[in-house]
Amino acid sequence: MASLSALPTELLSQITRHLVTPKYGFEDNGICSLRLTCRALCLKTQYEFGKAAFSTLRLDLHAKPLQLLLNISKRPAFGEGVKQLVFAQLGDERIAFPSVEDDELDTLKEQVLFMLSRVFTEALPGLPNLQEVVIITPFAARFRRYDVIQGSSFMDTSVWKEDYDVTVNVLHMLIAQAVGGAGIRTMRTRRFRHYTAASLVPMGSHRAPR
């Protein structure tokens, strides 16, 4: 009798779709358990896994979520599964931004906008099935730049230098510019006016916020 891993990829795709149920979504981990069985099953189910795990990405503008977005966009099996991006950030935590020596990007605002524009411009072409970007408002990503000064006792001291807040309108502008450059034509952007803790589902769930 042939093993499960020997089945054609098309048949395995049909099987894995039943491991992600509308009731429990991706959190039931059925497809993850299957992928951990062996390397062959992991490879053959990567596109179905991408659809289940990454159809909706919930992000803020901290470094790790943005890097995760870039990593997903660089893997076709995962990037093709992304249909919706949801951005939410209340601005209750400052995002540390290192000082950058650049004559053309003198202010923190210029550096932050350049960084975000680069991330979105690089990531969106790798999300060919992206249909919607949702920004949950009120939105504010508060960046703060520090200078590190070495004291006489050889202990470094961080000195606040400059603040810059990315508002919902700024984020909308950056995304719109990246969408135009990526050639995505059918995508729409919308905003939720009210933010509640229930609006967000942990990263990896395929269910949209209600």
N, C-alpha and C. Protein backbone atom coordinates (compact mmCIF):
# COMPACT_ATOMS: atom_id res chain seq x y z
N MET A 1 0.85 -1.20 0.00
CA MET A 1 0.00 0.00 0.00
C MET A 1 0.89 1.25 0.00
N ALA A 2 0.53 2.22 -0.84
CA ALA A 2 1.31 3.45 -0.93
C ALA A 2 1.13 4.27 0.35
N SER A 3 2.21 4.94 0.76
CA SER A 3 2.14 5.79 1.95
C SER A 3 1.47 7.11 1.61
N LEU A 4 1.08 7.84 2.64
CA LEU A 4 0.42 9.13 2.45
C LEU A 4 1.33 10.10 1.71
N SER A 5 2.59 10.08 2.03
CA SER A 5 3.54 11.00 1.40
C SER A 5 3.74 10.71 -0.08
N ALA A 6 3.36 9.52 -0.53
CA ALA A 6 3.52 9.15 -1.94
C ALA A 6 2.36 9.60 -2.80
N LEU A 7 1.30 10.10 -2.19
CA LEU A 7 0.14 10.57 -2.95
C LEU A 7 0.50 11.80 -3.78
N PRO A 8 -0.16 11.99 -4.90
CA PRO A 8 0.09 13.18 -5.72
C PRO A 8 -0.22 14.46 -4.95
N THR A 9 0.49 15.53 -5.29
CA THR A 9 0.30 16.81 -4.61
C THR A 9 -1.14 17.29 -4.73
N GLU A 10 -1.76 17.09 -5.90
CA GLU A 10 -3.14 17.54 -6.11
C GLU A 10 -4.10 16.86 -5.14
N LEU A 11 -3.91 15.57 -4.90
CA LEU A 11 -4.77 14.84 -3.98
C LEU A 11 -4.53 15.26 -2.54
N LEU A 12 -3.27 15.49 -2.20
CA LEU A 12 -2.95 15.96 -0.85
C LEU A 12 -3.54 17.34 -0.58
N SER A 13 -3.60 18.18 -1.61
CA SER A 13 -4.21 19.50 -1.45
C SER A 13 -5.68 19.37 -1.09
N GLN A 14 -6.37 18.43 -1.71
CA GLN A 14 -7.77 18.20 -1.38
C GLN A 14 -7.93 17.72 0.06
N ILE A 15 -7.02 16.87 0.50
CA ILE A 15 -7.09 16.35 1.86
C ILE A 15 -6.83 17.45 2.89
N THR A 16 -5.81 18.26 2.66
CA THR A 16 -5.44 19.27 3.65
C THR A 16 -6.50 20.34 3.81
N ARG A 17 -7.33 20.57 2.80
CA ARG A 17 -8.39 21.56 2.93
C ARG A 17 -9.39 21.19 4.01
N HIS A 18 -9.52 19.90 4.29
CA HIS A 18 -10.44 19.46 5.33
C HIS A 18 -9.83 19.58 6.72
N LEU A 19 -8.55 19.93 6.80
CA LEU A 19 -7.90 20.08 8.10
C LEU A 19 -8.02 21.49 8.64
N VAL A 20 -8.56 22.40 7.84
CA VAL A 20 -8.80 23.77 8.29
C VAL A 20 -10.30 24.00 8.25
N THR A 21 -10.94 23.97 9.39
CA THR A 21 -12.40 24.06 9.45
C THR A 21 -12.85 25.49 9.67
N PRO A 22 -14.03 25.86 9.16
CA PRO A 22 -14.54 27.22 9.39
C PRO A 22 -14.73 27.54 10.86
N LYS A 23 -15.01 26.53 11.67
CA LYS A 23 -15.27 26.78 13.09
C LYS A 23 -14.01 27.15 13.85
N TYR A 24 -12.95 26.41 13.63
CA TYR A 24 -11.74 26.61 14.41
C TYR A 24 -10.63 27.33 13.65
N GLY A 25 -10.76 27.42 12.33
CA GLY A 25 -9.75 28.10 11.55
C GLY A 25 -8.40 27.41 11.66
N PHE A 26 -7.35 28.20 11.53
CA PHE A 26 -6.01 27.64 11.52
C PHE A 26 -5.57 27.18 12.90
N GLU A 27 -6.26 27.59 13.94
CA GLU A 27 -5.81 27.31 15.30
C GLU A 27 -5.94 25.85 15.69
N ASP A 28 -6.66 25.03 14.88
CA ASP A 28 -6.78 23.62 15.26
C ASP A 28 -5.51 22.82 14.96
N ASN A 29 -4.57 23.42 14.20
CA ASN A 29 -3.23 22.86 13.99
C ASN A 29 -3.21 21.52 13.26
N GLY A 30 -4.32 21.12 12.64
CA GLY A 30 -4.31 19.85 11.92
C GLY A 30 -3.31 19.82 10.79
N ILE A 31 -3.28 20.88 10.01
CA ILE A 31 -2.36 20.93 8.88
C ILE A 31 -0.91 21.02 9.35
N CYS A 32 -0.68 21.66 10.50
CA CYS A 32 0.68 21.73 11.03
C CYS A 32 1.18 20.34 11.43
N SER A 33 0.31 19.57 12.06
CA SER A 33 0.70 18.22 12.46
C SER A 33 1.03 17.37 11.24
N LEU A 34 0.25 17.53 10.18
CA LEU A 34 0.52 16.77 8.95
C LEU A 34 1.87 17.15 8.37
N ARG A 35 2.19 18.42 8.36
CA ARG A 35 3.45 18.89 7.77
C ARG A 35 4.66 18.43 8.57
N LEU A 36 4.47 18.18 9.86
CA LEU A 36 5.57 17.73 10.70
C LEU A 36 5.85 16.24 10.55
N THR A 37 4.99 15.54 9.81
CA THR A 37 5.15 14.09 9.67
C THR A 37 6.43 13.73 8.94
N CYS A 38 6.68 14.39 7.81
CA CYS A 38 7.90 14.11 7.05
C CYS A 38 8.15 15.26 6.07
N ARG A 39 9.34 15.28 5.51
CA ARG A 39 9.74 16.36 4.60
C ARG A 39 8.88 16.37 3.34
N ALA A 40 8.55 15.19 2.82
CA ALA A 40 7.77 15.12 1.59
C ALA A 40 6.40 15.75 1.78
N LEU A 41 5.73 15.46 2.90
CA LEU A 41 4.42 16.06 3.16
C LEU A 41 4.54 17.56 3.41
N CYS A 42 5.62 17.96 4.05
CA CYS A 42 5.83 19.39 4.29
C CYS A 42 5.91 20.15 2.98
N LEU A 43 6.64 19.61 2.01
CA LEU A 43 6.81 20.27 0.72
C LEU A 43 5.53 20.23 -0.11
N LYS A 44 4.84 19.11 -0.08
CA LYS A 44 3.66 18.95 -0.93
C LYS A 44 2.46 19.75 -0.42
N THR A 45 2.47 20.15 0.82
CA THR A 45 1.32 20.87 1.38
C THR A 45 1.63 22.34 1.66
N GLN A 46 2.75 22.85 1.14
CA GLN A 46 3.14 24.21 1.50
C GLN A 46 2.18 25.27 0.96
N TYR A 47 1.60 25.05 -0.21
CA TYR A 47 0.68 26.05 -0.74
C TYR A 47 -0.63 26.08 0.05
N GLU A 48 -1.14 24.91 0.43
CA GLU A 48 -2.34 24.88 1.25
C GLU A 48 -2.07 25.46 2.63
N PHE A 49 -0.88 25.20 3.15
CA PHE A 49 -0.49 25.79 4.43
C PHE A 49 -0.43 27.31 4.33
N GLY A 50 0.13 27.82 3.23
CA GLY A 50 0.20 29.26 3.05
C GLY A 50 -1.17 29.91 3.03
N LYS A 51 -2.13 29.26 2.37
CA LYS A 51 -3.49 29.80 2.34
C LYS A 51 -4.12 29.82 3.72
N ALA A 52 -3.88 28.76 4.49
CA ALA A 52 -4.50 28.64 5.81
C ALA A 52 -3.85 29.57 6.83
N ALA A 53 -2.53 29.65 6.80
CA ALA A 53 -1.80 30.38 7.83
C ALA A 53 -1.71 31.87 7.57
N PHE A 54 -1.65 32.27 6.30
CA PHE A 54 -1.30 33.65 5.99
C PHE A 54 -2.34 34.39 5.14
N SER A 55 -3.55 33.87 5.03
CA SER A 55 -4.54 34.58 4.21
C SER A 55 -4.82 35.96 4.78
N THR A 56 -4.78 36.10 6.10
CA THR A 56 -4.87 37.41 6.74
C THR A 56 -3.66 37.60 7.63
N LEU A 57 -2.90 38.66 7.38
CA LEU A 57 -1.75 38.99 8.22
C LEU A 57 -2.09 40.21 9.06
N ARG A 58 -1.92 40.09 10.36
CA ARG A 58 -2.17 41.21 11.27
C ARG A 58 -0.83 41.77 11.73
N LEU A 59 -0.61 43.04 11.43
CA LEU A 59 0.72 43.63 11.56
C LEU A 59 0.67 44.95 12.30
N ASP A 60 1.82 45.32 12.89
CA ASP A 60 2.05 46.70 13.29
C ASP A 60 3.39 47.11 12.66
N LEU A 61 3.91 48.26 13.04
CA LEU A 61 5.10 48.77 12.37
C LEU A 61 6.38 48.54 13.15
N HIS A 62 6.36 47.61 14.10
CA HIS A 62 7.59 47.21 14.76
C HIS A 62 8.45 46.41 13.78
N ALA A 63 9.71 46.25 14.10
CA ALA A 63 10.65 45.62 13.18
C ALA A 63 10.31 44.17 12.88
N LYS A 64 9.93 43.39 13.90
CA LYS A 64 9.70 41.96 13.69
C LYS A 64 8.50 41.68 12.77
N PRO A 65 7.34 42.33 12.96
CA PRO A 65 6.24 42.10 12.02
C PRO A 65 6.57 42.51 10.59
N LEU A 66 7.30 43.60 10.43
CA LEU A 66 7.66 44.03 9.08
C LEU A 66 8.63 43.04 8.43
N GLN A 67 9.55 42.50 9.22
CA GLN A 67 10.46 41.50 8.68
C GLN A 67 9.71 40.22 8.33
N LEU A 68 8.72 39.88 9.15
CA LEU A 68 7.89 38.71 8.84
C LEU A 68 7.16 38.89 7.52
N LEU A 69 6.63 40.10 7.29
CA LEU A 69 5.96 40.40 6.03
C LEU A 69 6.92 40.20 4.86
N LEU A 70 8.14 40.67 4.99
CA LEU A 70 9.13 40.51 3.93
C LEU A 70 9.46 39.03 3.71
N ASN A 71 9.62 38.29 4.79
CA ASN A 71 9.96 36.87 4.67
C ASN A 71 8.85 36.10 3.95
N ILE A 72 7.60 36.38 4.30
CA ILE A 72 6.47 35.69 3.66
C ILE A 72 6.40 36.04 2.19
N SER A 73 6.63 37.30 1.86
CA SER A 73 6.52 37.74 0.47
C SER A 73 7.60 37.12 -0.42
N LYS A 74 8.69 36.68 0.17
CA LYS A 74 9.79 36.11 -0.61
C LYS A 74 9.60 34.62 -0.87
N ARG A 75 8.60 34.01 -0.26
CA ARG A 75 8.31 32.58 -0.49
C ARG A 75 7.00 32.48 -1.25
N PRO A 76 7.02 32.15 -2.53
CA PRO A 76 5.79 32.11 -3.33
C PRO A 76 4.68 31.28 -2.71
N ALA A 77 5.01 30.15 -2.10
CA ALA A 77 3.98 29.29 -1.52
C ALA A 77 3.24 29.99 -0.40
N PHE A 78 3.89 30.91 0.28
CA PHE A 78 3.27 31.64 1.38
C PHE A 78 2.69 32.97 0.89
N GLY A 79 3.46 33.71 0.08
CA GLY A 79 3.01 35.01 -0.39
C GLY A 79 1.75 34.94 -1.22
N GLU A 80 1.60 33.87 -2.00
CA GLU A 80 0.40 33.73 -2.83
C GLU A 80 -0.85 33.47 -2.00
N GLY A 81 -0.68 33.06 -0.75
CA GLY A 81 -1.83 32.81 0.10
C GLY A 81 -2.37 34.05 0.79
N VAL A 82 -1.63 35.16 0.76
CA VAL A 82 -2.04 36.37 1.47
C VAL A 82 -3.12 37.10 0.69
N LYS A 83 -4.26 37.32 1.34
CA LYS A 83 -5.37 38.05 0.71
C LYS A 83 -5.70 39.35 1.43
N GLN A 84 -5.31 39.44 2.69
CA GLN A 84 -5.68 40.63 3.47
C GLN A 84 -4.56 40.99 4.44
N LEU A 85 -4.25 42.29 4.51
CA LEU A 85 -3.35 42.83 5.52
C LEU A 85 -4.14 43.70 6.47
N VAL A 86 -3.96 43.51 7.76
CA VAL A 86 -4.64 44.30 8.78
C VAL A 86 -3.59 44.99 9.63
N PHE A 87 -3.61 46.32 9.65
CA PHE A 87 -2.67 47.09 10.46
C PHE A 87 -3.40 47.68 11.66
N ALA A 88 -2.82 47.50 12.84
CA ALA A 88 -3.40 48.05 14.07
C ALA A 88 -2.28 48.44 15.01
N GLN A 89 -2.34 49.66 15.52
CA GLN A 89 -1.33 50.13 16.47
C GLN A 89 -1.88 51.36 17.18
N LEU A 90 -1.83 51.33 18.51
CA LEU A 90 -2.41 52.41 19.30
C LEU A 90 -1.40 53.48 19.69
N GLY A 91 -0.13 53.22 19.45
CA GLY A 91 0.88 54.21 19.79
C GLY A 91 1.22 54.26 21.26
N ASP A 92 0.85 53.23 22.02
CA ASP A 92 1.14 53.23 23.45
C ASP A 92 2.55 52.75 23.77
N GLU A 93 3.31 52.40 22.75
CA GLU A 93 4.69 51.96 22.94
C GLU A 93 5.57 52.59 21.87
N ARG A 94 6.64 53.24 22.31
CA ARG A 94 7.56 53.87 21.37
C ARG A 94 8.39 52.82 20.63
N ILE A 95 8.61 53.06 19.35
CA ILE A 95 9.44 52.18 18.54
C ILE A 95 10.82 52.80 18.43
N ALA A 96 11.81 52.16 19.02
CA ALA A 96 13.16 52.69 18.99
C ALA A 96 13.72 52.64 17.57
N PHE A 97 14.29 53.75 17.15
CA PHE A 97 14.85 53.84 15.80
C PHE A 97 16.28 54.32 15.93
N PRO A 98 17.24 53.55 15.44
CA PRO A 98 18.64 53.94 15.61
C PRO A 98 19.00 55.17 14.79
N SER A 99 19.97 55.90 15.26
CA SER A 99 20.46 57.04 14.50
C SER A 99 21.17 56.56 13.24
N VAL A 100 20.90 57.23 12.14
CA VAL A 100 21.48 56.85 10.85
C VAL A 100 22.24 58.03 10.29
N GLU A 101 23.48 57.80 9.93
CA GLU A 101 24.29 58.86 9.32
C GLU A 101 24.05 58.87 7.82
N ASP A 102 23.22 59.79 7.38
CA ASP A 102 22.89 59.86 5.96
C ASP A 102 22.57 61.31 5.63
N ASP A 103 23.37 61.90 4.75
CA ASP A 103 23.18 63.31 4.41
C ASP A 103 21.84 63.57 3.73
N GLU A 104 21.29 62.56 3.03
CA GLU A 104 20.04 62.75 2.31
C GLU A 104 18.82 62.44 3.17
N LEU A 105 19.02 61.74 4.29
CA LEU A 105 17.92 61.40 5.19
C LEU A 105 18.27 61.92 6.57
N ASP A 106 18.12 63.21 6.74
CA ASP A 106 18.61 63.85 7.96
C ASP A 106 17.67 63.66 9.14
N THR A 107 16.37 63.84 8.93
CA THR A 107 15.43 63.80 10.04
C THR A 107 14.89 62.39 10.26
N LEU A 108 14.36 62.16 11.45
CA LEU A 108 13.75 60.86 11.76
C LEU A 108 12.57 60.60 10.83
N LYS A 109 11.78 61.62 10.54
CA LYS A 109 10.64 61.45 9.64
C LYS A 109 11.10 60.92 8.28
N GLU A 110 12.14 61.50 7.73
CA GLU A 110 12.65 61.06 6.43
C GLU A 110 13.13 59.61 6.48
N GLN A 111 13.79 59.25 7.56
CA GLN A 111 14.33 57.90 7.68
C GLN A 111 13.22 56.87 7.85
N VAL A 112 12.22 57.19 8.67
CA VAL A 112 11.11 56.26 8.89
C VAL A 112 10.31 56.06 7.60
N LEU A 113 10.00 57.15 6.92
CA LEU A 113 9.23 57.03 5.68
C LEU A 113 10.01 56.26 4.62
N PHE A 114 11.31 56.48 4.55
CA PHE A 114 12.13 55.74 3.59
C PHE A 114 12.11 54.25 3.91
N MET A 115 12.25 53.90 5.19
CA MET A 115 12.26 52.50 5.61
C MET A 115 10.94 51.82 5.31
N LEU A 116 9.82 52.45 5.67
CA LEU A 116 8.51 51.85 5.44
C LEU A 116 8.21 51.73 3.95
N SER A 117 8.56 52.76 3.19
CA SER A 117 8.34 52.71 1.75
C SER A 117 9.12 51.56 1.13
N ARG A 118 10.35 51.36 1.57
CA ARG A 118 11.17 50.27 1.05
C ARG A 118 10.55 48.91 1.38
N VAL A 119 10.07 48.75 2.63
CA VAL A 119 9.47 47.48 3.04
C VAL A 119 8.24 47.16 2.20
N PHE A 120 7.33 48.13 2.07
CA PHE A 120 6.09 47.88 1.33
C PHE A 120 6.36 47.68 -0.16
N THR A 121 7.28 48.46 -0.71
CA THR A 121 7.61 48.34 -2.13
C THR A 121 8.23 46.98 -2.44
N GLU A 122 9.01 46.47 -1.51
CA GLU A 122 9.66 45.17 -1.70
C GLU A 122 8.69 44.02 -1.45
N ALA A 123 7.77 44.19 -0.50
CA ALA A 123 6.91 43.07 -0.09
C ALA A 123 5.70 42.88 -1.00
N LEU A 124 5.03 43.94 -1.40
CA LEU A 124 3.74 43.79 -2.09
C LEU A 124 3.82 43.04 -3.42
N PRO A 125 4.88 43.18 -4.22
CA PRO A 125 4.93 42.36 -5.43
C PRO A 125 4.94 40.86 -5.15
N GLY A 126 5.33 40.46 -3.95
CA GLY A 126 5.33 39.06 -3.58
C GLY A 126 4.01 38.57 -3.02
N LEU A 127 2.99 39.45 -3.04
CA LEU A 127 1.64 39.10 -2.57
C LEU A 127 0.66 39.28 -3.72
N PRO A 128 0.73 38.46 -4.76
CA PRO A 128 -0.04 38.69 -5.98
C PRO A 128 -1.55 38.55 -5.80
N ASN A 129 -2.00 37.88 -4.75
CA ASN A 129 -3.43 37.68 -4.54
C ASN A 129 -4.00 38.59 -3.46
N LEU A 130 -3.24 39.61 -3.07
CA LEU A 130 -3.71 40.55 -2.05
C LEU A 130 -4.95 41.28 -2.55
N GLN A 131 -6.01 41.26 -1.74
CA GLN A 131 -7.28 41.86 -2.13
C GLN A 131 -7.64 43.09 -1.30
N GLU A 132 -7.12 43.17 -0.08
CA GLU A 132 -7.60 44.22 0.81
C GLU A 132 -6.55 44.56 1.87
N VAL A 133 -6.47 45.85 2.19
CA VAL A 133 -5.68 46.33 3.32
C VAL A 133 -6.63 47.03 4.27
N VAL A 134 -6.63 46.60 5.52
CA VAL A 134 -7.51 47.18 6.54
C VAL A 134 -6.64 47.90 7.56
N ILE A 135 -6.99 49.14 7.87
CA ILE A 135 -6.30 49.90 8.92
C ILE A 135 -7.30 50.15 10.04
N ILE A 136 -7.02 49.62 11.21
CA ILE A 136 -7.91 49.80 12.36
C ILE A 136 -7.54 51.11 13.04
N THR A 137 -8.51 51.99 13.17
CA THR A 137 -8.28 53.31 13.75
C THR A 137 -8.95 53.42 15.11
N PRO A 138 -8.43 54.28 15.99
CA PRO A 138 -7.28 55.18 15.80
C PRO A 138 -5.97 54.43 15.65
N PHE A 139 -5.14 54.93 14.75
CA PHE A 139 -3.85 54.30 14.46
C PHE A 139 -2.74 55.32 14.70
N ALA A 140 -1.70 54.89 15.39
CA ALA A 140 -0.52 55.74 15.58
C ALA A 140 0.68 54.86 15.90
N ALA A 141 1.70 54.97 15.09
CA ALA A 141 2.97 54.28 15.34
C ALA A 141 3.99 55.34 15.71
N ARG A 142 4.43 55.32 16.95
CA ARG A 142 5.29 56.38 17.48
C ARG A 142 6.75 55.93 17.47
N PHE A 143 7.52 56.56 16.61
CA PHE A 143 8.94 56.25 16.50
C PHE A 143 9.75 57.25 17.33
N ARG A 144 10.82 56.77 17.93
CA ARG A 144 11.71 57.64 18.71
C ARG A 144 13.15 57.27 18.40
N ARG A 145 13.95 58.29 18.12
CA ARG A 145 15.36 58.07 17.80
C ARG A 145 16.22 58.40 19.02
N TYR A 146 17.17 57.52 19.26
CA TYR A 146 18.09 57.70 20.38
C TYR A 146 19.52 57.82 19.86
N ASP A 147 20.32 58.58 20.56
CA ASP A 147 21.76 58.59 20.35
C ASP A 147 22.40 57.86 21.52
N VAL A 148 23.34 57.00 21.24
CA VAL A 148 24.04 56.27 22.29
C VAL A 148 25.35 56.98 22.59
N ILE A 149 25.51 57.38 23.85
CA ILE A 149 26.70 58.11 24.28
C ILE A 149 27.46 57.26 25.29
N GLN A 150 28.74 57.10 25.06
CA GLN A 150 29.57 56.33 25.97
C GLN A 150 30.09 57.23 27.07
N GLY A 151 29.78 56.88 28.32
CA GLY A 151 30.19 57.68 29.45
C GLY A 151 31.61 57.38 29.89
N SER A 152 32.07 58.13 30.87
CA SER A 152 33.44 57.96 31.37
C SER A 152 33.64 56.62 32.05
N SER A 153 32.54 56.03 32.54
CA SER A 153 32.64 54.73 33.23
C SER A 153 32.43 53.58 32.25
N PHE A 154 32.53 53.86 30.96
CA PHE A 154 32.38 52.86 29.89
C PHE A 154 30.98 52.24 29.87
N MET A 155 30.01 52.97 30.35
CA MET A 155 28.62 52.52 30.29
C MET A 155 27.88 53.39 29.27
N ASP A 156 27.21 52.74 28.32
CA ASP A 156 26.49 53.47 27.28
C ASP A 156 25.21 54.06 27.83
N THR A 157 24.89 55.26 27.39
CA THR A 157 23.67 55.95 27.79
C THR A 157 22.87 56.31 26.55
N SER A 158 21.59 55.98 26.55
CA SER A 158 20.72 56.32 25.43
C SER A 158 20.07 57.68 25.69
N VAL A 159 20.24 58.58 24.76
CA VAL A 159 19.71 59.93 24.90
C VAL A 159 18.66 60.16 23.83
N TRP A 160 17.43 60.50 24.28
CA TRP A 160 16.36 60.76 23.32
C TRP A 160 16.72 61.96 22.46
N LYS A 161 16.42 61.84 21.16
CA LYS A 161 16.79 62.90 20.24
C LYS A 161 15.61 63.44 19.45
N GLU A 162 14.72 62.54 18.97
CA GLU A 162 13.67 63.01 18.06
C GLU A 162 12.51 62.02 18.04
N ASP A 163 11.28 62.53 17.87
CA ASP A 163 10.08 61.70 17.75
C ASP A 163 9.42 61.92 16.39
N TYR A 164 8.74 60.88 15.91
CA TYR A 164 7.91 61.02 14.71
C TYR A 164 6.80 59.99 14.76
N ASP A 165 5.56 60.44 14.52
CA ASP A 165 4.39 59.56 14.56
C ASP A 165 3.88 59.28 13.16
N VAL A 166 3.72 58.00 12.83
CA VAL A 166 3.09 57.60 11.58
C VAL A 166 1.60 57.48 11.84
N THR A 167 0.80 58.34 11.21
CA THR A 167 -0.64 58.35 11.40
C THR A 167 -1.32 57.50 10.34
N VAL A 168 -2.63 57.36 10.47
CA VAL A 168 -3.37 56.53 9.52
C VAL A 168 -3.26 57.07 8.10
N ASN A 169 -3.25 58.39 7.95
CA ASN A 169 -3.16 58.97 6.61
C ASN A 169 -1.79 58.73 5.98
N VAL A 170 -0.75 58.79 6.79
CA VAL A 170 0.60 58.52 6.29
C VAL A 170 0.72 57.07 5.86
N LEU A 171 0.22 56.15 6.69
CA LEU A 171 0.28 54.73 6.35
C LEU A 171 -0.51 54.45 5.08
N HIS A 172 -1.68 55.06 4.96
CA HIS A 172 -2.51 54.88 3.76
C HIS A 172 -1.75 55.34 2.51
N MET A 173 -1.07 56.47 2.62
CA MET A 173 -0.32 57.01 1.48
C MET A 173 0.82 56.06 1.08
N LEU A 174 1.55 55.55 2.07
CA LEU A 174 2.67 54.66 1.78
C LEU A 174 2.20 53.38 1.10
N ILE A 175 1.10 52.82 1.59
CA ILE A 175 0.57 51.59 1.00
C ILE A 175 0.07 51.84 -0.41
N ALA A 176 -0.62 52.97 -0.61
CA ALA A 176 -1.14 53.29 -1.94
C ALA A 176 -0.01 53.42 -2.95
N GLN A 177 1.08 54.04 -2.55
CA GLN A 177 2.23 54.18 -3.45
C GLN A 177 2.83 52.82 -3.80
N ALA A 178 2.94 51.95 -2.80
CA ALA A 178 3.51 50.62 -3.04
C ALA A 178 2.59 49.77 -3.90
N VAL A 179 1.29 49.91 -3.71
CA VAL A 179 0.32 49.15 -4.51
C VAL A 179 0.43 49.55 -5.98
N GLY A 180 0.55 50.85 -6.22
CA GLY A 180 0.69 51.31 -7.60
C GLY A 180 1.94 50.77 -8.26
N GLY A 181 3.03 50.73 -7.50
CA GLY A 181 4.27 50.21 -8.05
C GLY A 181 4.26 48.71 -8.27
N ALA A 182 3.44 48.00 -7.47
CA ALA A 182 3.37 46.54 -7.59
C ALA A 182 2.43 46.09 -8.69
N GLY A 183 1.66 47.02 -9.24
CA GLY A 183 0.73 46.67 -10.31
C GLY A 183 -0.50 45.92 -9.85
N ILE A 184 -0.86 46.05 -8.56
CA ILE A 184 -2.06 45.40 -8.03
C ILE A 184 -3.26 46.29 -8.36
N ARG A 185 -4.24 45.76 -9.08
CA ARG A 185 -5.35 46.59 -9.56
C ARG A 185 -6.67 46.37 -8.81
N THR A 186 -6.86 45.21 -8.24
CA THR A 186 -8.16 44.89 -7.67
C THR A 186 -8.22 45.08 -6.16
N MET A 187 -7.14 45.54 -5.55
CA MET A 187 -7.10 45.66 -4.10
C MET A 187 -7.86 46.89 -3.62
N ARG A 188 -8.45 46.81 -2.44
CA ARG A 188 -9.11 47.96 -1.84
C ARG A 188 -8.55 48.20 -0.44
N THR A 189 -8.65 49.43 0.02
CA THR A 189 -8.21 49.79 1.37
C THR A 189 -9.41 50.34 2.14
N ARG A 190 -9.58 49.87 3.36
CA ARG A 190 -10.67 50.39 4.19
C ARG A 190 -10.19 50.54 5.62
N ARG A 191 -10.97 51.29 6.40
CA ARG A 191 -10.60 51.55 7.79
C ARG A 191 -11.75 51.16 8.72
N PHE A 192 -11.37 50.58 9.85
CA PHE A 192 -12.32 50.38 10.93
C PHE A 192 -12.18 51.55 11.88
N ARG A 193 -13.27 52.19 12.23
CA ARG A 193 -13.18 53.38 13.06
C ARG A 193 -12.89 53.08 14.53
N HIS A 194 -13.37 51.95 14.99
CA HIS A 194 -13.24 51.67 16.42
C HIS A 194 -12.32 50.49 16.63
N TYR A 195 -11.42 50.66 17.56
CA TYR A 195 -10.49 49.60 17.92
C TYR A 195 -10.93 48.96 19.22
N THR A 196 -11.02 47.64 19.23
CA THR A 196 -11.24 46.90 20.46
C THR A 196 -10.31 45.70 20.44
N ALA A 197 -10.04 45.17 21.61
CA ALA A 197 -9.15 44.01 21.69
C ALA A 197 -9.71 42.85 20.90
N ALA A 198 -11.04 42.76 20.81
CA ALA A 198 -11.67 41.65 20.10
C ALA A 198 -11.53 41.79 18.59
N SER A 199 -11.11 42.96 18.13
CA SER A 199 -10.99 43.18 16.69
C SER A 199 -9.82 42.41 16.10
N LEU A 200 -8.88 42.02 16.94
CA LEU A 200 -7.68 41.36 16.45
C LEU A 200 -7.67 39.90 16.85
N VAL A 201 -7.30 39.07 15.90
CA VAL A 201 -7.13 37.64 16.14
C VAL A 201 -5.64 37.36 16.09
N PRO A 202 -5.10 36.47 16.91
CA PRO A 202 -3.66 36.22 16.91
C PRO A 202 -3.12 35.91 15.51
N MET A 203 -1.88 36.29 15.28
CA MET A 203 -1.22 36.09 14.00
C MET A 203 -1.31 34.63 13.58
N GLY A 204 -1.71 34.41 12.32
CA GLY A 204 -1.80 33.06 11.80
C GLY A 204 -3.22 32.60 11.58
N SER A 205 -4.20 33.22 12.24
CA SER A 205 -5.58 32.83 12.00
C SER A 205 -6.02 33.34 10.64
N HIS A 206 -6.86 32.58 9.97
CA HIS A 206 -7.29 32.99 8.63
C HIS A 206 -8.61 33.74 8.68
N ARG A 207 -9.15 33.96 9.90
CA ARG A 207 -10.44 34.62 9.99
C ARG A 207 -10.27 36.13 10.09
N ALA A 208 -11.08 36.86 9.35
CA ALA A 208 -11.00 38.32 9.36
C ALA A 208 -11.62 38.87 10.62
N PRO A 209 -11.17 40.07 11.10
CA PRO A 209 -11.79 40.67 12.28
C PRO A 209 -13.23 41.05 12.00
N ARG A 210 -14.06 40.99 13.02
CA ARG A 210 -15.48 41.31 12.86
C ARG A 210 -15.80 42.62 13.57
